[in-house]
Amino acid sequence: MSTEEKKILVIGGGSWATAIVKMLTDNSRKHAVYWWMRNPEDIEHLKKYRHNPRYLSSVEINIQPENITDDLKGSVAIADVIIMAVPAAFLKSAIAELTEEDFKDKIIVSAIKGFEPSDNLIIGEYLNTRYNIPLSCIAVITGPCHAEEVALEKLSYLTIASQNHEVAELIALALSNRYIKTTISDDIYGTEYAAVLKNIFAVASGICHGLGYGDNFQAVLIANGLQEIKRFVDAVHPIDRDIKDSAYLGDLLVTAYSQFSRNRTFGNMIGKGYSVKSAQLEMNMVAEGYYAVKCLHEINRVHKVYMPISRAVYAILYENISPRMEIRLLAEKLS
């Protein structure tokens, strides 16, 4: 089936979901785009003014008003492609009413860069095990692409990973437009794990910035972070991959350094002395790295990969170790 014949549903009401809807509706190919959001007031605002009132509120969304809905089961029923774009920690509750039958014969795309925390699984694995969705019907959106820059239509690059080449190509074509370039990959595990891990290293980067460490140290920190990603993904899914590709290195760099990185912002607040709860309340946005580092800690009990940066972030966020003391100890382990 061609891309033009697909009905594409985006699940989520945040900034990344909004950016994905914008990408899809700015695409020159003809396909029907649907959007599920939980909040009825936001839906009515979008239908009337074509702007999401809470996230990327300056962006005009060119979607048919009747295609915006809070009817999850109904919208899933008519969709051919379903793009999940809610925070990982809330995915299970967001789609709780759906069953294995609802996902049958549909292409499911994860745009979520996090672990499902109650099962410690990347989203592709969670969907495969919980809903029995074949891996051949699952794709993952990765790459260095902040929603805020999509809103500004700044040139950005995405990698679409799937074990099914046709699925990867279909999603890549649907998302590409004059400011979005896409490539495809078959490394569904490595790209998704890397997309989660880079959030942890961005938190570390923010903590170090909050403590007053400079650019020289940050460069060493992120270089070591890339090594941790390589060691971990090679242990979990050992295939031939180039860790310097943008889906791995590029995503790590932009998340660690960008002004738009909520994980870096969260870490920066922790480094400056905020408690986890106060930082979360002030941000009013989800920093996936906070949840991811706990899941990774549990997963790595099995794999036992050497990951000193991840361990340091876990100690700071979950064991209440002083950030200054922990980063001082970490600095002795970097090279």
C-alpha atoms as a PDB file:
ATOM      1  CA  MET A   1       0.000   0.000   0.000  1.00  0.00           C
ATOM      2  CA  SER A   2       1.379   3.434  -0.894  1.00  0.00           C
ATOM      3  CA  THR A   3       1.968   6.178   1.649  1.00  0.00           C
ATOM      4  CA  GLU A   4      -0.829   8.245   0.091  1.00  0.00           C
ATOM      5  CA  GLU A   5      -3.391   5.630   1.088  1.00  0.00           C
ATOM      6  CA  LYS A   6      -2.425   5.471   4.746  1.00  0.00           C
ATOM      7  CA  LYS A   7      -4.370   6.942   7.636  1.00  0.00           C
ATOM      8  CA  ILE A   8      -1.774   8.065  10.196  1.00  0.00           C
ATOM      9  CA  LEU A   9      -2.706   8.613  13.843  1.00  0.00           C
ATOM     10  CA  VAL A  10      -0.482  10.479  16.322  1.00  0.00           C
ATOM     11  CA  ILE A  11      -1.088   9.691  20.010  1.00  0.00           C
ATOM     12  CA  GLY A  12      -0.007  12.436  22.410  1.00  0.00           C
ATOM     13  CA  GLY A  13      -0.553  16.113  23.138  1.00  0.00           C
ATOM     14  CA  GLY A  14       2.940  17.357  24.035  1.00  0.00           C
ATOM     15  CA  SER A  15       5.592  19.244  22.113  1.00  0.00           C
ATOM     16  CA  TRP A  16       7.028  16.202  20.299  1.00  0.00           C
ATOM     17  CA  ALA A  17       3.568  14.957  19.272  1.00  0.00           C
ATOM     18  CA  THR A  18       2.778  18.465  18.017  1.00  0.00           C
ATOM     19  CA  ALA A  19       6.032  18.563  16.048  1.00  0.00           C
ATOM     20  CA  ILE A  20       5.288  15.173  14.458  1.00  0.00           C
ATOM     21  CA  VAL A  21       1.807  16.291  13.416  1.00  0.00           C
ATOM     22  CA  LYS A  22       3.400  19.378  11.866  1.00  0.00           C
ATOM     23  CA  MET A  23       5.924  17.229   9.946  1.00  0.00           C
ATOM     24  CA  LEU A  24       3.182  14.964   8.631  1.00  0.00           C
ATOM     25  CA  THR A  25       0.835  17.770   7.607  1.00  0.00           C
ATOM     26  CA  ASP A  26       3.653  19.761   5.960  1.00  0.00           C
ATOM     27  CA  ASN A  27       4.450  16.741   3.784  1.00  0.00           C
ATOM     28  CA  SER A  28       3.604  17.202   0.102  1.00  0.00           C
ATOM     29  CA  ARG A  29       2.276  13.644  -0.201  1.00  0.00           C
ATOM     30  CA  LYS A  30      -1.405  13.088   0.437  1.00  0.00           C
ATOM     31  CA  HIS A  31      -2.258  11.102   3.517  1.00  0.00           C
ATOM     32  CA  ALA A  32      -4.904  11.557   6.196  1.00  0.00           C
ATOM     33  CA  VAL A  33      -3.477  12.657   9.545  1.00  0.00           C
ATOM     34  CA  TYR A  34      -5.396  12.061  12.784  1.00  0.00           C
ATOM     35  CA  TRP A  35      -4.470  13.286  16.243  1.00  0.00           C
ATOM     36  CA  TRP A  36      -5.527  11.877  19.610  1.00  0.00           C
ATOM     37  CA  MET A  37      -5.205  14.106  22.662  1.00  0.00           C
ATOM     38  CA  ARG A  38      -6.498  13.516  26.188  1.00  0.00           C
ATOM     39  CA  ASN A  39      -7.584  17.074  27.035  1.00  0.00           C
ATOM     40  CA  PRO A  40     -10.953  18.121  25.497  1.00  0.00           C
ATOM     41  CA  GLU A  41     -10.241  21.823  26.059  1.00  0.00           C
ATOM     42  CA  ASP A  42      -6.986  21.584  24.102  1.00  0.00           C
ATOM     43  CA  ILE A  43      -8.828  19.777  21.321  1.00  0.00           C
ATOM     44  CA  GLU A  44     -11.447  22.514  21.057  1.00  0.00           C
ATOM     45  CA  HIS A  45      -8.726  25.182  21.029  1.00  0.00           C
ATOM     46  CA  LEU A  46      -6.893  23.348  18.238  1.00  0.00           C
ATOM     47  CA  LYS A  47     -10.045  22.930  16.180  1.00  0.00           C
ATOM     48  CA  LYS A  48     -10.886  26.616  16.501  1.00  0.00           C
ATOM     49  CA  TYR A  49      -7.468  28.288  16.302  1.00  0.00           C
ATOM     50  CA  ARG A  50      -5.143  25.602  14.778  1.00  0.00           C
ATOM     51  CA  HIS A  51      -2.643  25.991  17.625  1.00  0.00           C
ATOM     52  CA  ASN A  52      -1.807  23.689  20.545  1.00  0.00           C
ATOM     53  CA  PRO A  53      -2.439  25.984  23.549  1.00  0.00           C
ATOM     54  CA  ARG A  54       0.106  24.221  25.804  1.00  0.00           C
ATOM     55  CA  TYR A  55       3.068  23.220  23.612  1.00  0.00           C
ATOM     56  CA  LEU A  56       4.689  24.909  20.594  1.00  0.00           C
ATOM     57  CA  SER A  57       1.747  27.292  20.840  1.00  0.00           C
ATOM     58  CA  SER A  58       2.998  29.578  18.064  1.00  0.00           C
ATOM     59  CA  VAL A  59       2.881  26.779  15.471  1.00  0.00           C
ATOM     60  CA  GLU A  60      -0.076  26.627  13.091  1.00  0.00           C
ATOM     61  CA  ILE A  61      -1.189  23.039  12.517  1.00  0.00           C
ATOM     62  CA  ASN A  62      -2.810  22.322   9.156  1.00  0.00           C
ATOM     63  CA  ILE A  63      -4.928  19.355  10.184  1.00  0.00           C
ATOM     64  CA  GLN A  64      -8.594  18.782   9.477  1.00  0.00           C
ATOM     65  CA  PRO A  65     -10.447  19.817  12.675  1.00  0.00           C
ATOM     66  CA  GLU A  66     -12.645  16.710  12.580  1.00  0.00           C
ATOM     67  CA  ASN A  67      -9.479  14.560  12.707  1.00  0.00           C
ATOM     68  CA  ILE A  68      -8.557  15.761  16.214  1.00  0.00           C
ATOM     69  CA  THR A  69     -10.200  13.583  18.846  1.00  0.00           C
ATOM     70  CA  ASP A  70     -10.182  12.224  22.390  1.00  0.00           C
ATOM     71  CA  ASP A  71     -11.756   8.948  21.199  1.00  0.00           C
ATOM     72  CA  LEU A  72      -8.753   6.619  21.405  1.00  0.00           C
ATOM     73  CA  LYS A  73     -10.387   3.335  20.420  1.00  0.00           C
ATOM     74  CA  GLY A  74     -12.277   4.938  17.552  1.00  0.00           C
ATOM     75  CA  SER A  75      -9.236   6.695  16.110  1.00  0.00           C
ATOM     76  CA  VAL A  76      -7.056   3.577  16.455  1.00  0.00           C
ATOM     77  CA  ALA A  77      -9.723   1.541  14.661  1.00  0.00           C
ATOM     78  CA  ILE A  78      -9.551   3.658  11.501  1.00  0.00           C
ATOM     79  CA  ALA A  79      -5.754   4.145  11.493  1.00  0.00           C
ATOM     80  CA  ASP A  80      -3.274   2.190   9.382  1.00  0.00           C
ATOM     81  CA  VAL A  81      -0.241   3.718  11.105  1.00  0.00           C
ATOM     82  CA  ILE A  82      -0.129   4.667  14.802  1.00  0.00           C
ATOM     83  CA  ILE A  83       2.667   6.929  16.062  1.00  0.00           C
ATOM     84  CA  MET A  84       3.135   6.857  19.843  1.00  0.00           C
ATOM     85  CA  ALA A  85       4.403  10.216  21.137  1.00  0.00           C
ATOM     86  CA  VAL A  86       3.632  10.324  24.867  1.00  0.00           C
ATOM     87  CA  PRO A  87       6.231  10.269  27.669  1.00  0.00           C
ATOM     88  CA  ALA A  88       7.378   6.715  28.338  1.00  0.00           C
ATOM     89  CA  ALA A  89       6.320   6.845  31.984  1.00  0.00           C
ATOM     90  CA  PHE A  90       2.710   7.538  30.960  1.00  0.00           C
ATOM     91  CA  LEU A  91       2.413   5.249  27.926  1.00  0.00           C
ATOM     92  CA  LYS A  92       0.849   2.316  29.794  1.00  0.00           C
ATOM     93  CA  SER A  93      -1.925   4.464  31.288  1.00  0.00           C
ATOM     94  CA  ALA A  94      -2.465   6.397  28.041  1.00  0.00           C
ATOM     95  CA  ILE A  95      -3.256   3.261  26.025  1.00  0.00           C
ATOM     96  CA  ALA A  96      -4.680   1.140  28.866  1.00  0.00           C
ATOM     97  CA  GLU A  97      -8.050   0.711  27.143  1.00  0.00           C
ATOM     98  CA  LEU A  98      -6.481  -0.789  24.025  1.00  0.00           C
ATOM     99  CA  THR A  99      -6.127  -4.521  23.450  1.00  0.00           C
ATOM    100  CA  GLU A 100      -4.037  -6.793  21.254  1.00  0.00           C
ATOM    101  CA  GLU A 101      -6.932  -6.916  18.803  1.00  0.00           C
ATOM    102  CA  ASP A 102      -6.934  -3.109  18.428  1.00  0.00           C
ATOM    103  CA  PHE A 103      -3.349  -3.200  17.103  1.00  0.00           C
ATOM    104  CA  LYS A 104      -3.844  -6.113  14.732  1.00  0.00           C
ATOM    105  CA  ASP A 105      -2.560  -5.530  11.158  1.00  0.00           C
ATOM    106  CA  LYS A 106      -1.400  -1.995  11.949  1.00  0.00           C
ATOM    107  CA  ILE A 107       2.032  -0.362  11.743  1.00  0.00           C
ATOM    108  CA  ILE A 108       3.100   0.919  15.158  1.00  0.00           C
ATOM    109  CA  VAL A 109       5.749   3.623  15.424  1.00  0.00           C
ATOM    110  CA  SER A 110       7.499   4.639  18.632  1.00  0.00           C
ATOM    111  CA  ALA A 111       8.533   8.278  18.836  1.00  0.00           C
ATOM    112  CA  ILE A 112       9.203   7.787  22.561  1.00  0.00           C
ATOM    113  CA  LYS A 113      12.798   8.037  23.787  1.00  0.00           C
ATOM    114  CA  GLY A 114      12.434   6.242  27.084  1.00  0.00           C
ATOM    115  CA  PHE A 115      11.866   2.933  28.885  1.00  0.00           C
ATOM    116  CA  GLU A 116       8.448   1.645  29.951  1.00  0.00           C
ATOM    117  CA  PRO A 117       9.345   1.899  33.636  1.00  0.00           C
ATOM    118  CA  SER A 118       7.237  -0.861  35.180  1.00  0.00           C
ATOM    119  CA  ASP A 119       8.710  -3.452  32.782  1.00  0.00           C
ATOM    120  CA  ASN A 120      12.166  -1.902  32.127  1.00  0.00           C
ATOM    121  CA  LEU A 121      11.670  -2.336  28.384  1.00  0.00           C
ATOM    122  CA  ILE A 122      12.340  -0.052  25.440  1.00  0.00           C
ATOM    123  CA  ILE A 123       9.023   0.840  23.822  1.00  0.00           C
ATOM    124  CA  GLY A 124       9.393  -1.429  20.797  1.00  0.00           C
ATOM    125  CA  GLU A 125       9.991  -4.412  23.095  1.00  0.00           C
ATOM    126  CA  TYR A 126       7.090  -3.419  25.350  1.00  0.00           C
ATOM    127  CA  LEU A 127       4.662  -3.205  22.419  1.00  0.00           C
ATOM    128  CA  ASN A 128       5.929  -6.511  21.068  1.00  0.00           C
ATOM    129  CA  THR A 129       5.585  -8.384  24.361  1.00  0.00           C
ATOM    130  CA  ARG A 130       2.462  -6.701  25.793  1.00  0.00           C
ATOM    131  CA  TYR A 131       0.361  -6.484  22.620  1.00  0.00           C
ATOM    132  CA  ASN A 132       1.980  -9.229  20.532  1.00  0.00           C
ATOM    133  CA  ILE A 133       2.743  -6.761  17.729  1.00  0.00           C
ATOM    134  CA  PRO A 134       5.211  -8.391  15.309  1.00  0.00           C
ATOM    135  CA  LEU A 135       8.610  -6.679  15.139  1.00  0.00           C
ATOM    136  CA  SER A 136       8.081  -6.465  11.370  1.00  0.00           C
ATOM    137  CA  CYS A 137       5.200  -4.029  12.076  1.00  0.00           C
ATOM    138  CA  ILE A 138       7.153  -1.820  14.501  1.00  0.00           C
ATOM    139  CA  ALA A 139       9.305   1.207  13.660  1.00  0.00           C
ATOM    140  CA  VAL A 140      11.223   3.697  15.800  1.00  0.00           C
ATOM    141  CA  ILE A 141      11.789   7.412  15.150  1.00  0.00           C
ATOM    142  CA  THR A 142      15.242   8.532  16.315  1.00  0.00           C
ATOM    143  CA  GLY A 143      17.811  11.199  15.545  1.00  0.00           C
ATOM    144  CA  PRO A 144      18.830  14.720  16.621  1.00  0.00           C
ATOM    145  CA  CYS A 145      15.566  16.608  16.243  1.00  0.00           C
ATOM    146  CA  HIS A 146      14.192  18.970  18.911  1.00  0.00           C
ATOM    147  CA  ALA A 147      10.506  19.837  18.621  1.00  0.00           C
ATOM    148  CA  GLU A 148      11.306  23.533  19.078  1.00  0.00           C
ATOM    149  CA  GLU A 149      13.478  23.561  15.943  1.00  0.00           C
ATOM    150  CA  VAL A 150      10.801  21.693  13.984  1.00  0.00           C
ATOM    151  CA  ALA A 151       8.450  24.501  15.024  1.00  0.00           C
ATOM    152  CA  LEU A 152      10.921  26.991  13.546  1.00  0.00           C
ATOM    153  CA  GLU A 153      11.266  24.812  10.413  1.00  0.00           C
ATOM    154  CA  LYS A 154      15.012  24.552  10.857  1.00  0.00           C
ATOM    155  CA  LEU A 155      16.628  21.797   8.806  1.00  0.00           C
ATOM    156  CA  SER A 156      16.592  18.576  10.837  1.00  0.00           C
ATOM    157  CA  TYR A 157      17.373  14.886  10.294  1.00  0.00           C
ATOM    158  CA  LEU A 158      15.514  11.785  11.466  1.00  0.00           C
ATOM    159  CA  THR A 159      16.417   8.107  11.302  1.00  0.00           C
ATOM    160  CA  ILE A 160      13.557   5.617  10.996  1.00  0.00           C
ATOM    161  CA  ALA A 161      14.531   2.157  12.188  1.00  0.00           C
ATOM    162  CA  SER A 162      12.643  -1.052  11.501  1.00  0.00           C
ATOM    163  CA  GLN A 163      13.488  -4.653  10.744  1.00  0.00           C
ATOM    164  CA  ASN A 164      11.019  -4.315   7.877  1.00  0.00           C
ATOM    165  CA  HIS A 165      12.596  -2.186   5.136  1.00  0.00           C
ATOM    166  CA  GLU A 166       9.222  -1.304   3.579  1.00  0.00           C
ATOM    167  CA  VAL A 167       7.850  -0.086   6.903  1.00  0.00           C
ATOM    168  CA  ALA A 168      10.926   2.064   7.564  1.00  0.00           C
ATOM    169  CA  GLU A 169      10.723   3.546   4.080  1.00  0.00           C
ATOM    170  CA  LEU A 170       6.994   4.279   4.379  1.00  0.00           C
ATOM    171  CA  ILE A 171       7.403   6.179   7.660  1.00  0.00           C
ATOM    172  CA  ALA A 172      10.474   8.010   6.363  1.00  0.00           C
ATOM    173  CA  LEU A 173       8.523   9.205   3.317  1.00  0.00           C
ATOM    174  CA  ALA A 174       5.570  10.287   5.444  1.00  0.00           C
ATOM    175  CA  LEU A 175       7.743  12.426   7.750  1.00  0.00           C
ATOM    176  CA  SER A 176      10.075  13.978   5.196  1.00  0.00           C
ATOM    177  CA  ASN A 177       9.407  17.477   3.909  1.00  0.00           C
ATOM    178  CA  ARG A 178      11.370  20.580   2.927  1.00  0.00           C
ATOM    179  CA  TYR A 179      12.908  20.945   6.421  1.00  0.00           C
ATOM    180  CA  ILE A 180      12.988  17.279   7.516  1.00  0.00           C
ATOM    181  CA  LYS A 181      15.463  14.835   5.945  1.00  0.00           C
ATOM    182  CA  THR A 182      15.076  11.147   6.708  1.00  0.00           C
ATOM    183  CA  THR A 183      17.229   8.032   6.501  1.00  0.00           C
ATOM    184  CA  ILE A 184      16.376   4.437   7.377  1.00  0.00           C
ATOM    185  CA  SER A 185      18.060   1.765   9.476  1.00  0.00           C
ATOM    186  CA  ASP A 186      17.457  -1.855  10.451  1.00  0.00           C
ATOM    187  CA  ASP A 187      18.992  -1.366  13.926  1.00  0.00           C
ATOM    188  CA  ILE A 188      15.722  -1.125  15.840  1.00  0.00           C
ATOM    189  CA  TYR A 189      17.343  -2.113  19.152  1.00  0.00           C
ATOM    190  CA  GLY A 190      20.541  -0.072  18.963  1.00  0.00           C
ATOM    191  CA  THR A 191      18.915   3.156  17.803  1.00  0.00           C
ATOM    192  CA  GLU A 192      16.161   2.942  20.414  1.00  0.00           C
ATOM    193  CA  TYR A 193      18.521   2.126  23.285  1.00  0.00           C
ATOM    194  CA  ALA A 194      20.862   4.925  22.170  1.00  0.00           C
ATOM    195  CA  ALA A 195      17.933   7.353  22.051  1.00  0.00           C
ATOM    196  CA  VAL A 196      17.146   6.511  25.673  1.00  0.00           C
ATOM    197  CA  LEU A 197      20.733   6.496  26.953  1.00  0.00           C
ATOM    198  CA  LYS A 198      21.582   9.903  25.508  1.00  0.00           C
ATOM    199  CA  ASN A 199      18.943  11.413  27.810  1.00  0.00           C
ATOM    200  CA  ILE A 200      20.884  10.080  30.801  1.00  0.00           C
ATOM    201  CA  PHE A 201      24.124  11.634  29.524  1.00  0.00           C
ATOM    202  CA  ALA A 202      22.308  14.908  28.887  1.00  0.00           C
ATOM    203  CA  VAL A 203      21.225  14.912  32.531  1.00  0.00           C
ATOM    204  CA  ALA A 204      24.877  14.319  33.457  1.00  0.00           C
ATOM    205  CA  SER A 205      25.916  17.182  31.187  1.00  0.00           C
ATOM    206  CA  GLY A 206      23.410  19.488  32.840  1.00  0.00           C
ATOM    207  CA  ILE A 207      24.531  18.487  36.335  1.00  0.00           C
ATOM    208  CA  CYS A 208      28.139  19.267  35.425  1.00  0.00           C
ATOM    209  CA  HIS A 209      27.165  22.614  33.932  1.00  0.00           C
ATOM    210  CA  GLY A 210      25.190  23.453  37.073  1.00  0.00           C
ATOM    211  CA  LEU A 211      28.264  22.629  39.169  1.00  0.00           C
ATOM    212  CA  GLY A 212      30.428  24.967  37.092  1.00  0.00           C
ATOM    213  CA  TYR A 213      32.411  22.512  34.967  1.00  0.00           C
ATOM    214  CA  GLY A 214      33.541  23.979  31.651  1.00  0.00           C
ATOM    215  CA  ASP A 215      33.430  23.044  27.983  1.00  0.00           C
ATOM    216  CA  ASN A 216      36.671  21.063  28.133  1.00  0.00           C
ATOM    217  CA  PHE A 217      35.236  18.701  30.741  1.00  0.00           C
ATOM    218  CA  GLN A 218      31.886  18.517  28.931  1.00  0.00           C
ATOM    219  CA  ALA A 219      33.617  17.320  25.765  1.00  0.00           C
ATOM    220  CA  VAL A 220      35.339  14.520  27.683  1.00  0.00           C
ATOM    221  CA  LEU A 221      32.103  13.628  29.465  1.00  0.00           C
ATOM    222  CA  ILE A 222      30.149  13.244  26.219  1.00  0.00           C
ATOM    223  CA  ALA A 223      32.978  11.361  24.478  1.00  0.00           C
ATOM    224  CA  ASN A 224      32.884   8.888  27.353  1.00  0.00           C
ATOM    225  CA  GLY A 225      29.090   8.842  27.148  1.00  0.00           C
ATOM    226  CA  LEU A 226      29.314   7.699  23.527  1.00  0.00           C
ATOM    227  CA  GLN A 227      31.617   4.887  24.628  1.00  0.00           C
ATOM    228  CA  GLU A 228      29.039   3.827  27.222  1.00  0.00           C
ATOM    229  CA  ILE A 229      26.335   3.768  24.537  1.00  0.00           C
ATOM    230  CA  LYS A 230      28.519   1.595  22.299  1.00  0.00           C
ATOM    231  CA  ARG A 231      29.405  -0.836  25.080  1.00  0.00           C
ATOM    232  CA  PHE A 232      25.775  -1.182  26.114  1.00  0.00           C
ATOM    233  CA  VAL A 233      24.125  -1.571  22.695  1.00  0.00           C
ATOM    234  CA  ASP A 234      26.850  -3.987  21.602  1.00  0.00           C
ATOM    235  CA  ALA A 235      26.144  -6.084  24.703  1.00  0.00           C
ATOM    236  CA  VAL A 236      22.363  -6.010  24.291  1.00  0.00           C
ATOM    237  CA  HIS A 237      22.190  -6.388  20.499  1.00  0.00           C
ATOM    238  CA  PRO A 238      25.592  -7.156  18.927  1.00  0.00           C
ATOM    239  CA  ILE A 239      25.401  -6.278  15.233  1.00  0.00           C
ATOM    240  CA  ASP A 240      27.611  -4.261  12.895  1.00  0.00           C
ATOM    241  CA  ARG A 241      26.712  -0.568  13.426  1.00  0.00           C
ATOM    242  CA  ASP A 242      28.494   2.766  13.096  1.00  0.00           C
ATOM    243  CA  ILE A 243      28.064   4.515  16.446  1.00  0.00           C
ATOM    244  CA  LYS A 244      29.136   7.791  14.788  1.00  0.00           C
ATOM    245  CA  ASP A 245      25.924   7.938  12.727  1.00  0.00           C
ATOM    246  CA  SER A 246      23.527  10.756  13.563  1.00  0.00           C
ATOM    247  CA  ALA A 247      20.993   8.387  15.174  1.00  0.00           C
ATOM    248  CA  TYR A 248      23.593   7.674  17.865  1.00  0.00           C
ATOM    249  CA  LEU A 249      26.249  10.402  18.057  1.00  0.00           C
ATOM    250  CA  GLY A 250      24.142  13.213  16.591  1.00  0.00           C
ATOM    251  CA  ASP A 251      21.252  12.624  18.980  1.00  0.00           C
ATOM    252  CA  LEU A 252      23.662  12.463  21.912  1.00  0.00           C
ATOM    253  CA  LEU A 253      25.326  15.755  20.998  1.00  0.00           C
ATOM    254  CA  VAL A 254      22.164  17.789  20.500  1.00  0.00           C
ATOM    255  CA  THR A 255      20.567  16.468  23.697  1.00  0.00           C
ATOM    256  CA  ALA A 256      23.684  17.102  25.756  1.00  0.00           C
ATOM    257  CA  TYR A 257      24.363  20.627  24.466  1.00  0.00           C
ATOM    258  CA  SER A 258      21.147  22.211  23.172  1.00  0.00           C
ATOM    259  CA  GLN A 259      19.283  25.015  24.908  1.00  0.00           C
ATOM    260  CA  PHE A 260      16.089  23.090  24.074  1.00  0.00           C
ATOM    261  CA  SER A 261      17.161  19.905  25.884  1.00  0.00           C
ATOM    262  CA  ARG A 262      14.835  19.338  28.831  1.00  0.00           C
ATOM    263  CA  ASN A 263      17.170  16.605  30.149  1.00  0.00           C
ATOM    264  CA  ARG A 264      20.113  19.002  30.212  1.00  0.00           C
ATOM    265  CA  THR A 265      17.887  21.654  31.824  1.00  0.00           C
ATOM    266  CA  PHE A 266      16.752  19.171  34.470  1.00  0.00           C
ATOM    267  CA  GLY A 267      20.348  18.155  35.198  1.00  0.00           C
ATOM    268  CA  ASN A 268      21.450  21.775  35.361  1.00  0.00           C
ATOM    269  CA  MET A 269      18.856  22.424  38.051  1.00  0.00           C
ATOM    270  CA  ILE A 270      20.029  19.390  40.031  1.00  0.00           C
ATOM    271  CA  GLY A 271      23.630  20.624  39.765  1.00  0.00           C
ATOM    272  CA  LYS A 272      22.546  24.027  41.089  1.00  0.00           C
ATOM    273  CA  GLY A 273      20.989  22.437  44.173  1.00  0.00           C
ATOM    274  CA  TYR A 274      17.346  21.783  43.260  1.00  0.00           C
ATOM    275  CA  SER A 275      15.745  18.614  44.576  1.00  0.00           C
ATOM    276  CA  VAL A 276      14.376  16.201  41.961  1.00  0.00           C
ATOM    277  CA  LYS A 277      10.783  17.081  42.844  1.00  0.00           C
ATOM    278  CA  SER A 278      11.307  20.839  42.797  1.00  0.00           C
ATOM    279  CA  ALA A 279      13.123  20.633  39.437  1.00  0.00           C
ATOM    280  CA  GLN A 280      10.272  18.582  37.957  1.00  0.00           C
ATOM    281  CA  LEU A 281       7.645  20.991  39.262  1.00  0.00           C
ATOM    282  CA  GLU A 282       9.446  24.063  37.932  1.00  0.00           C
ATOM    283  CA  MET A 283      10.067  22.532  34.489  1.00  0.00           C
ATOM    284  CA  ASN A 284       6.477  21.294  34.069  1.00  0.00           C
ATOM    285  CA  MET A 285       7.806  18.965  31.360  1.00  0.00           C
ATOM    286  CA  VAL A 286       9.036  15.367  31.489  1.00  0.00           C
ATOM    287  CA  ALA A 287      12.788  14.748  31.494  1.00  0.00           C
ATOM    288  CA  GLU A 288      12.948  11.151  30.236  1.00  0.00           C
ATOM    289  CA  GLY A 289      16.479  10.713  31.584  1.00  0.00           C
ATOM    290  CA  TYR A 290      15.216  10.765  35.175  1.00  0.00           C
ATOM    291  CA  TYR A 291      13.087   7.640  34.657  1.00  0.00           C
ATOM    292  CA  ALA A 292      15.506   6.048  32.181  1.00  0.00           C
ATOM    293  CA  VAL A 293      18.493   5.924  34.524  1.00  0.00           C
ATOM    294  CA  LYS A 294      16.551   3.868  37.090  1.00  0.00           C
ATOM    295  CA  CYS A 295      15.387   1.405  34.411  1.00  0.00           C
ATOM    296  CA  LEU A 296      18.903   1.169  32.993  1.00  0.00           C
ATOM    297  CA  HIS A 297      20.269   0.477  36.460  1.00  0.00           C
ATOM    298  CA  GLU A 298      17.909  -2.497  36.743  1.00  0.00           C
ATOM    299  CA  ILE A 299      18.583  -3.771  33.210  1.00  0.00           C
ATOM    300  CA  ASN A 300      22.343  -3.517  33.668  1.00  0.00           C
ATOM    301  CA  ARG A 301      22.200  -5.851  36.662  1.00  0.00           C
ATOM    302  CA  VAL A 302      21.944  -8.556  33.981  1.00  0.00           C
ATOM    303  CA  HIS A 303      24.385  -7.220  31.383  1.00  0.00           C
ATOM    304  CA  LYS A 304      26.962  -5.765  33.819  1.00  0.00           C
ATOM    305  CA  VAL A 305      28.289  -3.249  31.285  1.00  0.00           C
ATOM    306  CA  TYR A 306      30.810  -0.728  32.650  1.00  0.00           C
ATOM    307  CA  MET A 307      28.838   2.557  32.691  1.00  0.00           C
ATOM    308  CA  PRO A 308      30.354   5.002  35.197  1.00  0.00           C
ATOM    309  CA  ILE A 309      28.436   8.079  33.990  1.00  0.00           C
ATOM    310  CA  SER A 310      25.088   6.314  34.158  1.00  0.00           C
ATOM    311  CA  ARG A 311      25.969   4.979  37.601  1.00  0.00           C
ATOM    312  CA  ALA A 312      26.874   8.467  38.808  1.00  0.00           C
ATOM    313  CA  VAL A 313      23.576   9.937  37.572  1.00  0.00           C
ATOM    314  CA  TYR A 314      21.673   7.129  39.296  1.00  0.00           C
ATOM    315  CA  ALA A 315      23.546   7.777  42.547  1.00  0.00           C
ATOM    316  CA  ILE A 316      22.714  11.485  42.422  1.00  0.00           C
ATOM    317  CA  LEU A 317      19.032  11.122  41.497  1.00  0.00           C
ATOM    318  CA  TYR A 318      18.049   7.990  43.416  1.00  0.00           C
ATOM    319  CA  GLU A 319      20.571   7.574  46.225  1.00  0.00           C
ATOM    320  CA  ASN A 320      20.724  11.262  47.201  1.00  0.00           C
ATOM    321  CA  ILE A 321      24.494  11.405  46.810  1.00  0.00           C
ATOM    322  CA  SER A 322      25.897  14.942  46.622  1.00  0.00           C
ATOM    323  CA  PRO A 323      26.244  15.940  42.931  1.00  0.00           C
ATOM    324  CA  ARG A 324      29.535  17.711  43.659  1.00  0.00           C
ATOM    325  CA  MET A 325      31.008  14.668  45.386  1.00  0.00           C
ATOM    326  CA  GLU A 326      29.724  12.176  42.806  1.00  0.00           C
ATOM    327  CA  ILE A 327      30.985  14.127  39.776  1.00  0.00           C
ATOM    328  CA  ARG A 328      34.356  14.594  41.467  1.00  0.00           C
ATOM    329  CA  LEU A 329      34.597  10.797  41.800  1.00  0.00           C
ATOM    330  CA  LEU A 330      33.355  10.329  38.221  1.00  0.00           C
ATOM    331  CA  ALA A 331      36.013  12.702  36.867  1.00  0.00           C
ATOM    332  CA  GLU A 332      38.703  10.266  38.004  1.00  0.00           C
ATOM    333  CA  LYS A 333      37.173   7.504  35.861  1.00  0.00           C
ATOM    334  CA  LEU A 334      36.969   9.452  32.580  1.00  0.00           C
ATOM    335  CA  SER A 335      39.666   9.563  29.937  1.00  0.00           C
END
